[in-house]
Amino acid sequence: VRADATVAPLCRHEDDVETDLFLDPRPYSIPPDFEIVDENVVGTYGEGWYGQRPVPSLGGGPGYGAEADEIWSVEESLLETLEEDGVDLPLLDVGIAHGEKARGGALF
C-alpha cells in the first residue's frame, strides 16, 4: 500500500540488485469491495528504504526531466523470510532495452 492509499504489487528485476524491489508494471486489479484499511493487512515484513533509480537516458536525472524507477531497498534477511513464508515476488526480465528509448532503441 502506497502513501496515496493505492495498492501496487512489487517485483524484482532480473540482472539487477537482488535486494531492490520495483513496482510491478503488469496490470493488476483489486476487487471493488476491497477496502484498504488496517484490518485487511495480513502481515508486515520489516521495512524498506525508498529511492529512485534513473532510467538510462541522454542526460539529467530525476528532477531534470529524466524518468526514474521507484525502488524499495530491503535486507537480504527480509527476502529470505518472504521465501520461507511462500510470498512470491515475481522476477521480471526487463531486458537490455529497459530505458533505451532515448537512444533510439536497443541494438540487436
PDB file of N, CA and C in Angstrom:
ATOM      1  N   VAL A   1       0.858  -1.173   0.000  1.00  0.00           N
ATOM      2  CA  VAL A   1       0.000   0.000   0.000  1.00  0.00           C
ATOM      3  C   VAL A   1       0.903   1.235   0.000  1.00  0.00           C
ATOM      4  N   ARG A   2       0.648   2.112  -0.948  1.00  0.00           N
ATOM      5  CA  ARG A   2       1.464   3.323  -1.064  1.00  0.00           C
ATOM      6  C   ARG A   2       0.863   4.443  -0.216  1.00  0.00           C
ATOM      7  N   ALA A   3       1.616   5.509  -0.076  1.00  0.00           N
ATOM      8  CA  ALA A   3       1.184   6.635   0.758  1.00  0.00           C
ATOM      9  C   ALA A   3      -0.116   7.255   0.267  1.00  0.00           C
ATOM     10  N   ASP A   4      -0.404   7.160  -1.036  1.00  0.00           N
ATOM     11  CA  ASP A   4      -1.639   7.736  -1.572  1.00  0.00           C
ATOM     12  C   ASP A   4      -2.809   6.750  -1.505  1.00  0.00           C
ATOM     13  N   ALA A   5      -2.664   5.683  -0.705  1.00  0.00           N
ATOM     14  CA  ALA A   5      -3.698   4.668  -0.466  1.00  0.00           C
ATOM     15  C   ALA A   5      -3.991   3.816  -1.694  1.00  0.00           C
ATOM     16  N   THR A   6      -3.060   3.755  -2.647  1.00  0.00           N
ATOM     17  CA  THR A   6      -3.210   2.814  -3.750  1.00  0.00           C
ATOM     18  C   THR A   6      -2.351   1.590  -3.447  1.00  0.00           C
ATOM     19  N   VAL A   7      -2.744   0.482  -4.026  1.00  0.00           N
ATOM     20  CA  VAL A   7      -2.007  -0.761  -3.828  1.00  0.00           C
ATOM     21  C   VAL A   7      -1.212  -1.041  -5.093  1.00  0.00           C
ATOM     22  N   ALA A   8       0.052  -1.348  -4.930  1.00  0.00           N
ATOM     23  CA  ALA A   8       0.900  -1.663  -6.074  1.00  0.00           C
ATOM     24  C   ALA A   8       1.763  -2.870  -5.714  1.00  0.00           C
ATOM     25  N   PRO A   9       1.657  -3.956  -6.478  1.00  0.00           N
ATOM     26  CA  PRO A   9       2.495  -5.119  -6.182  1.00  0.00           C
ATOM     27  C   PRO A   9       3.958  -4.833  -6.514  1.00  0.00           C
ATOM     28  N   LEU A  10       4.852  -5.505  -5.799  1.00  0.00           N
ATOM     29  CA  LEU A  10       6.283  -5.332  -6.016  1.00  0.00           C
ATOM     30  C   LEU A  10       6.852  -6.510  -6.792  1.00  0.00           C
ATOM     31  N   CYS A  11       7.992  -6.288  -7.419  1.00  0.00           N
ATOM     32  CA  CYS A  11       8.682  -7.348  -8.145  1.00  0.00           C
ATOM     33  C   CYS A  11      10.178  -7.093  -8.052  1.00  0.00           C
ATOM     34  N   ARG A  12      10.948  -8.051  -8.537  1.00  0.00           N
ATOM     35  CA  ARG A  12      12.392  -7.876  -8.665  1.00  0.00           C
ATOM     36  C   ARG A  12      12.720  -7.849 -10.153  1.00  0.00           C
ATOM     37  N   HIS A  13      13.846  -7.254 -10.518  1.00  0.00           N
ATOM     38  CA  HIS A  13      14.283  -7.229 -11.910  1.00  0.00           C
ATOM     39  C   HIS A  13      15.450  -8.196 -12.085  1.00  0.00           C
ATOM     40  N   GLU A  14      15.376  -9.004 -13.132  1.00  0.00           N
ATOM     41  CA  GLU A  14      16.487  -9.881 -13.498  1.00  0.00           C
ATOM     42  C   GLU A  14      17.717  -9.015 -13.758  1.00  0.00           C
ATOM     43  N   ASP A  15      18.888  -9.498 -13.447  1.00  0.00           N
ATOM     44  CA  ASP A  15      20.149  -8.776 -13.678  1.00  0.00           C
ATOM     45  C   ASP A  15      20.179  -7.413 -13.004  1.00  0.00           C
ATOM     46  N   ASP A  16      19.629  -7.322 -11.797  1.00  0.00           N
ATOM     47  CA  ASP A  16      19.649  -6.070 -11.043  1.00  0.00           C
ATOM     48  C   ASP A  16      20.019  -6.403  -9.607  1.00  0.00           C
ATOM     49  N   VAL A  17      20.089  -5.394  -8.765  1.00  0.00           N
ATOM     50  CA  VAL A  17      20.414  -5.613  -7.356  1.00  0.00           C
ATOM     51  C   VAL A  17      19.308  -6.457  -6.732  1.00  0.00           C
ATOM     52  N   GLU A  18      19.696  -7.588  -6.163  1.00  0.00           N
ATOM     53  CA  GLU A  18      18.707  -8.550  -5.655  1.00  0.00           C
ATOM     54  C   GLU A  18      17.817  -7.976  -4.558  1.00  0.00           C
ATOM     55  N   THR A  19      18.345  -7.051  -3.776  1.00  0.00           N
ATOM     56  CA  THR A  19      17.576  -6.514  -2.650  1.00  0.00           C
ATOM     57  C   THR A  19      16.789  -5.250  -3.005  1.00  0.00           C
ATOM     58  N   ASP A  20      16.740  -4.888  -4.286  1.00  0.00           N
ATOM     59  CA  ASP A  20      15.924  -3.748  -4.720  1.00  0.00           C
ATOM     60  C   ASP A  20      14.616  -4.255  -5.303  1.00  0.00           C
ATOM     61  N   LEU A  21      13.513  -3.759  -4.772  1.00  0.00           N
ATOM     62  CA  LEU A  21      12.183  -4.132  -5.247  1.00  0.00           C
ATOM     63  C   LEU A  21      11.597  -2.975  -6.036  1.00  0.00           C
ATOM     64  N   PHE A  22      10.893  -3.299  -7.108  1.00  0.00           N
ATOM     65  CA  PHE A  22      10.304  -2.312  -8.006  1.00  0.00           C
ATOM     66  C   PHE A  22       8.793  -2.485  -8.043  1.00  0.00           C
ATOM     67  N   LEU A  23       8.077  -1.453  -8.493  1.00  0.00           N
ATOM     68  CA  LEU A  23       6.648  -1.596  -8.745  1.00  0.00           C
ATOM     69  C   LEU A  23       6.470  -2.513  -9.947  1.00  0.00           C
ATOM     70  N   ASP A  24       5.587  -3.474  -9.830  1.00  0.00           N
ATOM     71  CA  ASP A  24       5.326  -4.409 -10.927  1.00  0.00           C
ATOM     72  C   ASP A  24       4.526  -3.673 -12.004  1.00  0.00           C
ATOM     73  N   PRO A  25       5.072  -3.559 -13.226  1.00  0.00           N
ATOM     74  CA  PRO A  25       4.396  -2.784 -14.267  1.00  0.00           C
ATOM     75  C   PRO A  25       3.224  -3.508 -14.930  1.00  0.00           C
ATOM     76  N   ARG A  26       3.062  -4.789 -14.634  1.00  0.00           N
ATOM     77  CA  ARG A  26       1.977  -5.545 -15.273  1.00  0.00           C
ATOM     78  C   ARG A  26       0.628  -5.140 -14.684  1.00  0.00           C
ATOM     79  N   PRO A  27      -0.427  -5.225 -15.494  1.00  0.00           N
ATOM     80  CA  PRO A  27      -1.757  -4.835 -14.995  1.00  0.00           C
ATOM     81  C   PRO A  27      -2.219  -5.754 -13.856  1.00  0.00           C
ATOM     82  N   TYR A  28      -2.910  -5.191 -12.927  1.00  0.00           N
ATOM     83  CA  TYR A  28      -3.487  -5.949 -11.819  1.00  0.00           C
ATOM     84  C   TYR A  28      -4.780  -5.268 -11.420  1.00  0.00           C
ATOM     85  N   SER A  29      -5.606  -5.993 -10.709  1.00  0.00           N
ATOM     86  CA  SER A  29      -6.859  -5.383 -10.266  1.00  0.00           C
ATOM     87  C   SER A  29      -7.148  -5.787  -8.832  1.00  0.00           C
ATOM     88  N   ILE A  30      -7.851  -4.922  -8.164  1.00  0.00           N
ATOM     89  CA  ILE A  30      -8.267  -5.153  -6.786  1.00  0.00           C
ATOM     90  C   ILE A  30      -9.783  -5.290  -6.803  1.00  0.00           C
ATOM     91  N   PRO A  31     -10.319  -6.299  -6.120  1.00  0.00           N
ATOM     92  CA  PRO A  31     -11.778  -6.428  -6.097  1.00  0.00           C
ATOM     93  C   PRO A  31     -12.433  -5.123  -5.640  1.00  0.00           C
ATOM     94  N   PRO A  32     -13.530  -4.733  -6.285  1.00  0.00           N
ATOM     95  CA  PRO A  32     -14.162  -3.441  -5.973  1.00  0.00           C
ATOM     96  C   PRO A  32     -14.638  -3.320  -4.523  1.00  0.00           C
ATOM     97  N   ASP A  33     -14.925  -4.436  -3.877  1.00  0.00           N
ATOM     98  CA  ASP A  33     -15.418  -4.376  -2.499  1.00  0.00           C
ATOM     99  C   ASP A  33     -14.282  -4.414  -1.472  1.00  0.00           C
ATOM    100  N   PHE A  34     -13.027  -4.422  -1.917  1.00  0.00           N
ATOM    101  CA  PHE A  34     -11.872  -4.489  -1.016  1.00  0.00           C
ATOM    102  C   PHE A  34     -11.539  -3.096  -0.494  1.00  0.00           C
ATOM    103  N   GLU A  35     -11.457  -2.961   0.808  1.00  0.00           N
ATOM    104  CA  GLU A  35     -11.106  -1.680   1.421  1.00  0.00           C
ATOM    105  C   GLU A  35      -9.667  -1.722   1.910  1.00  0.00           C
ATOM    106  N   ILE A  36      -8.949  -0.636   1.703  1.00  0.00           N
ATOM    107  CA  ILE A  36      -7.575  -0.552   2.190  1.00  0.00           C
ATOM    108  C   ILE A  36      -7.626   0.027   3.594  1.00  0.00           C
ATOM    109  N   VAL A  37      -7.732  -0.870   4.557  1.00  0.00           N
ATOM    110  CA  VAL A  37      -7.777  -0.499   5.966  1.00  0.00           C
ATOM    111  C   VAL A  37      -6.881  -1.458   6.737  1.00  0.00           C
ATOM    112  N   ASP A  38      -6.478  -1.059   7.925  1.00  0.00           N
ATOM    113  CA  ASP A  38      -5.560  -1.869   8.729  1.00  0.00           C
ATOM    114  C   ASP A  38      -6.070  -3.288   8.968  1.00  0.00           C
ATOM    115  N   GLU A  39      -7.371  -3.461   9.100  1.00  0.00           N
ATOM    116  CA  GLU A  39      -7.928  -4.782   9.385  1.00  0.00           C
ATOM    117  C   GLU A  39      -7.681  -5.778   8.246  1.00  0.00           C
ATOM    118  N   ASN A  40      -7.453  -5.276   7.031  1.00  0.00           N
ATOM    119  CA  ASN A  40      -7.226  -6.163   5.886  1.00  0.00           C
ATOM    120  C   ASN A  40      -5.749  -6.484   5.660  1.00  0.00           C
ATOM    121  N   VAL A  41      -4.872  -5.977   6.508  1.00  0.00           N
ATOM    122  CA  VAL A  41      -3.449  -6.295   6.391  1.00  0.00           C
ATOM    123  C   VAL A  41      -3.209  -7.646   7.036  1.00  0.00           C
ATOM    124  N   VAL A  42      -2.693  -8.593   6.254  1.00  0.00           N
ATOM    125  CA  VAL A  42      -2.485  -9.945   6.777  1.00  0.00           C
ATOM    126  C   VAL A  42      -1.153 -10.088   7.496  1.00  0.00           C
ATOM    127  N   GLY A  43      -0.196  -9.246   7.165  1.00  0.00           N
ATOM    128  CA  GLY A  43       1.104  -9.310   7.819  1.00  0.00           C
ATOM    129  C   GLY A  43       2.006  -8.208   7.311  1.00  0.00           C
ATOM    130  N   THR A  44       3.057  -7.971   8.047  1.00  0.00           N
ATOM    131  CA  THR A  44       4.055  -6.994   7.620  1.00  0.00           C
ATOM    132  C   THR A  44       5.420  -7.671   7.697  1.00  0.00           C
ATOM    133  N   TYR A  45       6.338  -7.163   6.914  1.00  0.00           N
ATOM    134  CA  TYR A  45       7.651  -7.801   6.804  1.00  0.00           C
ATOM    135  C   TYR A  45       8.785  -6.798   6.935  1.00  0.00           C
ATOM    136  N   GLY A  46       8.888  -6.139   8.032  1.00  0.00           N
ATOM    137  CA  GLY A  46      10.008  -5.229   8.226  1.00  0.00           C
ATOM    138  C   GLY A  46       9.842  -3.942   7.448  1.00  0.00           C
ATOM    139  N   GLU A  47      10.974  -3.390   7.030  1.00  0.00           N
ATOM    140  CA  GLU A  47      10.904  -2.114   6.341  1.00  0.00           C
ATOM    141  C   GLU A  47      11.816  -2.107   5.128  1.00  0.00           C
ATOM    142  N   GLY A  48      11.514  -1.176   4.234  1.00  0.00           N
ATOM    143  CA  GLY A  48      12.340  -0.962   3.059  1.00  0.00           C
ATOM    144  C   GLY A  48      12.660   0.508   2.973  1.00  0.00           C
ATOM    145  N   TRP A  49      13.714   0.824   2.250  1.00  0.00           N
ATOM    146  CA  TRP A  49      14.124   2.204   2.099  1.00  0.00           C
ATOM    147  C   TRP A  49      13.806   2.660   0.691  1.00  0.00           C
ATOM    148  N   TYR A  50      13.014   3.720   0.596  1.00  0.00           N
ATOM    149  CA  TYR A  50      12.542   4.223  -0.693  1.00  0.00           C
ATOM    150  C   TYR A  50      13.639   5.008  -1.402  1.00  0.00           C
ATOM    151  N   GLY A  51      13.671   4.881  -2.721  1.00  0.00           N
ATOM    152  CA  GLY A  51      14.602   5.660  -3.522  1.00  0.00           C
ATOM    153  C   GLY A  51      14.145   5.669  -4.970  1.00  0.00           C
ATOM    154  N   GLN A  52      14.911   6.306  -5.807  1.00  0.00           N
ATOM    155  CA  GLN A  52      14.635   6.330  -7.244  1.00  0.00           C
ATOM    156  C   GLN A  52      15.914   5.996  -7.980  1.00  0.00           C
ATOM    157  N   ARG A  53      15.773   5.226  -9.031  1.00  0.00           N
ATOM    158  CA  ARG A  53      16.910   4.911  -9.885  1.00  0.00           C
ATOM    159  C   ARG A  53      16.637   5.485 -11.260  1.00  0.00           C
ATOM    160  N   PRO A  54      17.504   6.387 -11.736  1.00  0.00           N
ATOM    161  CA  PRO A  54      17.289   6.960 -13.060  1.00  0.00           C
ATOM    162  C   PRO A  54      17.293   5.882 -14.139  1.00  0.00           C
ATOM    163  N   VAL A  55      16.359   5.992 -15.066  1.00  0.00           N
ATOM    164  CA  VAL A  55      16.336   5.121 -16.228  1.00  0.00           C
ATOM    165  C   VAL A  55      17.367   5.689 -17.200  1.00  0.00           C
ATOM    166  N   PRO A  56      18.237   4.846 -17.764  1.00  0.00           N
ATOM    167  CA  PRO A  56      19.265   5.381 -18.664  1.00  0.00           C
ATOM    168  C   PRO A  56      18.659   6.257 -19.765  1.00  0.00           C
ATOM    169  N   SER A  57      19.218   7.433 -19.922  1.00  0.00           N
ATOM    170  CA  SER A  57      18.732   8.364 -20.935  1.00  0.00           C
ATOM    171  C   SER A  57      19.889   9.255 -21.351  1.00  0.00           C
ATOM    172  N   LEU A  58      19.605  10.254 -22.129  1.00  0.00           N
ATOM    173  CA  LEU A  58      20.669  11.114 -22.630  1.00  0.00           C
ATOM    174  C   LEU A  58      20.915  12.340 -21.766  1.00  0.00           C
ATOM    175  N   GLY A  59      20.797  12.211 -20.487  1.00  0.00           N
ATOM    176  CA  GLY A  59      21.146  13.334 -19.639  1.00  0.00           C
ATOM    177  C   GLY A  59      20.198  13.520 -18.489  1.00  0.00           C
ATOM    178  N   GLY A  60      20.681  14.208 -17.489  1.00  0.00           N
ATOM    179  CA  GLY A  60      19.874  14.544 -16.328  1.00  0.00           C
ATOM    180  C   GLY A  60      19.462  13.328 -15.536  1.00  0.00           C
ATOM    181  N   GLY A  61      18.972  13.569 -14.389  1.00  0.00           N
ATOM    182  CA  GLY A  61      18.427  12.530 -13.540  1.00  0.00           C
ATOM    183  C   GLY A  61      17.064  12.975 -13.080  1.00  0.00           C
ATOM    184  N   PRO A  62      16.493  12.317 -12.068  1.00  0.00           N
ATOM    185  CA  PRO A  62      15.210  12.763 -11.545  1.00  0.00           C
ATOM    186  C   PRO A  62      15.286  14.244 -11.171  1.00  0.00           C
ATOM    187  N   GLY A  63      14.307  14.988 -11.540  1.00  0.00           N
ATOM    188  CA  GLY A  63      14.309  16.424 -11.281  1.00  0.00           C
ATOM    189  C   GLY A  63      14.787  17.222 -12.481  1.00  0.00           C
ATOM    190  N   TYR A  64      15.394  16.549 -13.431  1.00  0.00           N
ATOM    191  CA  TYR A  64      15.853  17.212 -14.654  1.00  0.00           C
ATOM    192  C   TYR A  64      15.088  16.694 -15.862  1.00  0.00           C
ATOM    193  N   GLY A  65      13.957  16.087 -15.640  1.00  0.00           N
ATOM    194  CA  GLY A  65      13.127  15.619 -16.730  1.00  0.00           C
ATOM    195  C   GLY A  65      13.357  14.174 -17.126  1.00  0.00           C
ATOM    196  N   ALA A  66      14.358  13.521 -16.575  1.00  0.00           N
ATOM    197  CA  ALA A  66      14.612  12.119 -16.909  1.00  0.00           C
ATOM    198  C   ALA A  66      13.657  11.230 -16.111  1.00  0.00           C
ATOM    199  N   GLU A  67      13.335  10.095 -16.673  1.00  0.00           N
ATOM    200  CA  GLU A  67      12.472   9.145 -15.978  1.00  0.00           C
ATOM    201  C   GLU A  67      13.255   8.455 -14.871  1.00  0.00           C
ATOM    202  N   ALA A  68      12.543   7.969 -13.870  1.00  0.00           N
ATOM    203  CA  ALA A  68      13.183   7.213 -12.789  1.00  0.00           C
ATOM    204  C   ALA A  68      12.233   6.116 -12.338  1.00  0.00           C
ATOM    205  N   ASP A  69      12.812   4.966 -11.994  1.00  0.00           N
ATOM    206  CA  ASP A  69      12.041   3.872 -11.410  1.00  0.00           C
ATOM    207  C   ASP A  69      12.035   4.054  -9.899  1.00  0.00           C
ATOM    208  N   GLU A  70      10.874   3.865  -9.284  1.00  0.00           N
ATOM    209  CA  GLU A  70      10.806   3.873  -7.829  1.00  0.00           C
ATOM    210  C   GLU A  70      11.317   2.528  -7.348  1.00  0.00           C
ATOM    211  N   ILE A  71      12.138   2.537  -6.304  1.00  0.00           N
ATOM    212  CA  ILE A  71      12.636   1.285  -5.743  1.00  0.00           C
ATOM    213  C   ILE A  71      12.496   1.301  -4.230  1.00  0.00           C
ATOM    214  N   TRP A  72      12.425   0.119  -3.670  1.00  0.00           N
ATOM    215  CA  TRP A  72      12.456  -0.074  -2.227  1.00  0.00           C
ATOM    216  C   TRP A  72      13.575  -1.065  -1.960  1.00  0.00           C
ATOM    217  N   SER A  73      14.604  -0.619  -1.267  1.00  0.00           N
ATOM    218  CA  SER A  73      15.727  -1.492  -0.924  1.00  0.00           C
ATOM    219  C   SER A  73      15.430  -2.177   0.399  1.00  0.00           C
ATOM    220  N   VAL A  74      15.654  -3.485   0.434  1.00  0.00           N
ATOM    221  CA  VAL A  74      15.379  -4.272   1.636  1.00  0.00           C
ATOM    222  C   VAL A  74      16.620  -5.087   1.990  1.00  0.00           C
ATOM    223  N   GLU A  75      16.630  -5.642   3.176  1.00  0.00           N
ATOM    224  CA  GLU A  75      17.720  -6.502   3.631  1.00  0.00           C
ATOM    225  C   GLU A  75      17.554  -7.900   3.040  1.00  0.00           C
ATOM    226  N   GLU A  76      18.668  -8.622   2.865  1.00  0.00           N
ATOM    227  CA  GLU A  76      18.609  -9.995   2.360  1.00  0.00           C
ATOM    228  C   GLU A  76      17.779 -10.885   3.273  1.00  0.00           C
ATOM    229  N   SER A  77      17.870 -10.651   4.578  1.00  0.00           N
ATOM    230  CA  SER A  77      17.110 -11.479   5.528  1.00  0.00           C
ATOM    231  C   SER A  77      15.604 -11.339   5.302  1.00  0.00           C
ATOM    232  N   LEU A  78      15.154 -10.169   4.863  1.00  0.00           N
ATOM    233  CA  LEU A  78      13.737  -9.964   4.569  1.00  0.00           C
ATOM    234  C   LEU A  78      13.319 -10.816   3.376  1.00  0.00           C
ATOM    235  N   LEU A  79      14.161 -10.865   2.340  1.00  0.00           N
ATOM    236  CA  LEU A  79      13.850 -11.707   1.177  1.00  0.00           C
ATOM    237  C   LEU A  79      13.788 -13.180   1.573  1.00  0.00           C
ATOM    238  N   GLU A  80      14.679 -13.598   2.468  1.00  0.00           N
ATOM    239  CA  GLU A  80      14.674 -14.983   2.954  1.00  0.00           C
ATOM    240  C   GLU A  80      13.386 -15.281   3.713  1.00  0.00           C
ATOM    241  N   THR A  81      12.945 -14.351   4.554  1.00  0.00           N
ATOM    242  CA  THR A  81      11.697 -14.530   5.302  1.00  0.00           C
ATOM    243  C   THR A  81      10.503 -14.635   4.356  1.00  0.00           C
ATOM    244  N   LEU A  82      10.471 -13.774   3.330  1.00  0.00           N
ATOM    245  CA  LEU A  82       9.387 -13.841   2.346  1.00  0.00           C
ATOM    246  C   LEU A  82       9.356 -15.206   1.672  1.00  0.00           C
ATOM    247  N   GLU A  83      10.521 -15.700   1.284  1.00  0.00           N
ATOM    248  CA  GLU A  83      10.591 -17.002   0.623  1.00  0.00           C
ATOM    249  C   GLU A  83      10.122 -18.120   1.552  1.00  0.00           C
ATOM    250  N   GLU A  84      10.542 -18.091   2.814  1.00  0.00           N
ATOM    251  CA  GLU A  84      10.124 -19.098   3.794  1.00  0.00           C
ATOM    252  C   GLU A  84       8.615 -19.084   3.988  1.00  0.00           C
ATOM    253  N   ASP A  85       7.997 -17.895   3.927  1.00  0.00           N
ATOM    254  CA  ASP A  85       6.549 -17.770   4.118  1.00  0.00           C
ATOM    255  C   ASP A  85       5.763 -18.002   2.832  1.00  0.00           C
ATOM    256  N   GLY A  86       6.449 -18.299   1.740  1.00  0.00           N
ATOM    257  CA  GLY A  86       5.754 -18.574   0.478  1.00  0.00           C
ATOM    258  C   GLY A  86       5.248 -17.344  -0.252  1.00  0.00           C
ATOM    259  N   VAL A  87       5.802 -16.176   0.075  1.00  0.00           N
ATOM    260  CA  VAL A  87       5.408 -14.950  -0.616  1.00  0.00           C
ATOM    261  C   VAL A  87       6.215 -14.869  -1.907  1.00  0.00           C
ATOM    262  N   ASP A  88       5.514 -14.804  -3.030  1.00  0.00           N
ATOM    263  CA  ASP A  88       6.162 -14.810  -4.326  1.00  0.00           C
ATOM    264  C   ASP A  88       6.382 -13.389  -4.823  1.00  0.00           C
ATOM    265  N   LEU A  89       7.637 -13.024  -5.012  1.00  0.00           N
ATOM    266  CA  LEU A  89       7.977 -11.746  -5.645  1.00  0.00           C
ATOM    267  C   LEU A  89       8.382 -12.068  -7.078  1.00  0.00           C
ATOM    268  N   PRO A  90       7.568 -11.699  -8.047  1.00  0.00           N
ATOM    269  CA  PRO A  90       7.901 -12.015  -9.436  1.00  0.00           C
ATOM    270  C   PRO A  90       9.262 -11.460  -9.818  1.00  0.00           C
ATOM    271  N   LEU A  91       9.980 -12.221 -10.636  1.00  0.00           N
ATOM    272  CA  LEU A  91      11.281 -11.812 -11.149  1.00  0.00           C
ATOM    273  C   LEU A  91      11.101 -11.514 -12.628  1.00  0.00           C
ATOM    274  N   LEU A  92      11.117 -10.220 -12.987  1.00  0.00           N
ATOM    275  CA  LEU A  92      10.868  -9.816 -14.361  1.00  0.00           C
ATOM    276  C   LEU A  92      12.171  -9.580 -15.102  1.00  0.00           C
ATOM    277  N   ASP A  93      12.217 -10.039 -16.341  1.00  0.00           N
ATOM    278  CA  ASP A  93      13.360  -9.765 -17.198  1.00  0.00           C
ATOM    279  C   ASP A  93      12.992  -8.558 -18.045  1.00  0.00           C
ATOM    280  N   VAL A  94      13.409  -7.365 -17.595  1.00  0.00           N
ATOM    281  CA  VAL A  94      13.071  -6.144 -18.326  1.00  0.00           C
ATOM    282  C   VAL A  94      14.002  -5.947 -19.501  1.00  0.00           C
ATOM    283  N   GLY A  95      15.065  -6.726 -19.559  1.00  0.00           N
ATOM    284  CA  GLY A  95      15.948  -6.746 -20.716  1.00  0.00           C
ATOM    285  C   GLY A  95      16.810  -5.515 -20.865  1.00  0.00           C
ATOM    286  N   ILE A  96      17.723  -5.627 -21.798  1.00  0.00           N
ATOM    287  CA  ILE A  96      18.663  -4.545 -22.047  1.00  0.00           C
ATOM    288  C   ILE A  96      17.956  -3.309 -22.598  1.00  0.00           C
ATOM    289  N   ALA A  97      16.788  -3.479 -23.186  1.00  0.00           N
ATOM    290  CA  ALA A  97      16.078  -2.365 -23.810  1.00  0.00           C
ATOM    291  C   ALA A  97      15.382  -1.466 -22.789  1.00  0.00           C
ATOM    292  N   HIS A  98      15.391  -1.834 -21.505  1.00  0.00           N
ATOM    293  CA  HIS A  98      14.741  -1.002 -20.493  1.00  0.00           C
ATOM    294  C   HIS A  98      15.393   0.379 -20.489  1.00  0.00           C
ATOM    295  N   GLY A  99      14.629   1.405 -20.806  1.00  0.00           N
ATOM    296  CA  GLY A  99      15.130   2.766 -20.793  1.00  0.00           C
ATOM    297  C   GLY A  99      15.895   3.157 -22.042  1.00  0.00           C
ATOM    298  N   GLU A 100      15.803   2.357 -23.092  1.00  0.00           N
ATOM    299  CA  GLU A 100      16.573   2.642 -24.292  1.00  0.00           C
ATOM    300  C   GLU A 100      15.907   3.622 -25.249  1.00  0.00           C
ATOM    301  N   LYS A 101      14.709   4.110 -24.958  1.00  0.00           N
ATOM    302  CA  LYS A 101      14.006   4.940 -25.933  1.00  0.00           C
ATOM    303  C   LYS A 101      14.768   6.219 -26.268  1.00  0.00           C
ATOM    304  N   ALA A 102      15.550   6.756 -25.332  1.00  0.00           N
ATOM    305  CA  ALA A 102      16.284   7.982 -25.608  1.00  0.00           C
ATOM    306  C   ALA A 102      17.404   7.754 -26.621  1.00  0.00           C
ATOM    307  N   ARG A 103      17.850   6.517 -26.733  1.00  0.00           N
ATOM    308  CA  ARG A 103      18.925   6.223 -27.677  1.00  0.00           C
ATOM    309  C   ARG A 103      18.401   5.596 -28.967  1.00  0.00           C
ATOM    310  N   GLY A 104      17.099   5.617 -29.177  1.00  0.00           N
ATOM    311  CA  GLY A 104      16.540   5.087 -30.415  1.00  0.00           C
ATOM    312  C   GLY A 104      16.316   3.595 -30.406  1.00  0.00           C
ATOM    313  N   GLY A 105      16.366   2.971 -29.250  1.00  0.00           N
ATOM    314  CA  GLY A 105      16.097   1.534 -29.175  1.00  0.00           C
ATOM    315  C   GLY A 105      17.356   0.740 -28.895  1.00  0.00           C
ATOM    316  N   ALA A 106      17.137  -0.478 -28.522  1.00  0.00           N
ATOM    317  CA  ALA A 106      18.249  -1.374 -28.216  1.00  0.00           C
ATOM    318  C   ALA A 106      18.884  -1.882 -29.487  1.00  0.00           C
ATOM    319  N   LEU A 107      20.155  -2.200 -29.401  1.00  0.00           N
ATOM    320  CA  LEU A 107      20.850  -2.773 -30.557  1.00  0.00           C
ATOM    321  C   LEU A 107      20.724  -4.284 -30.520  1.00  0.00           C
ATOM    322  N   PHE A 108      20.319  -4.870 -31.617  1.00  0.00           N
ATOM    323  CA  PHE A 108      20.171  -6.329 -31.673  1.00  0.00           C
ATOM    324  C   PHE A 108      21.082  -6.889 -32.719  1.00  0.00           C
TER     325      PHE A 108
END
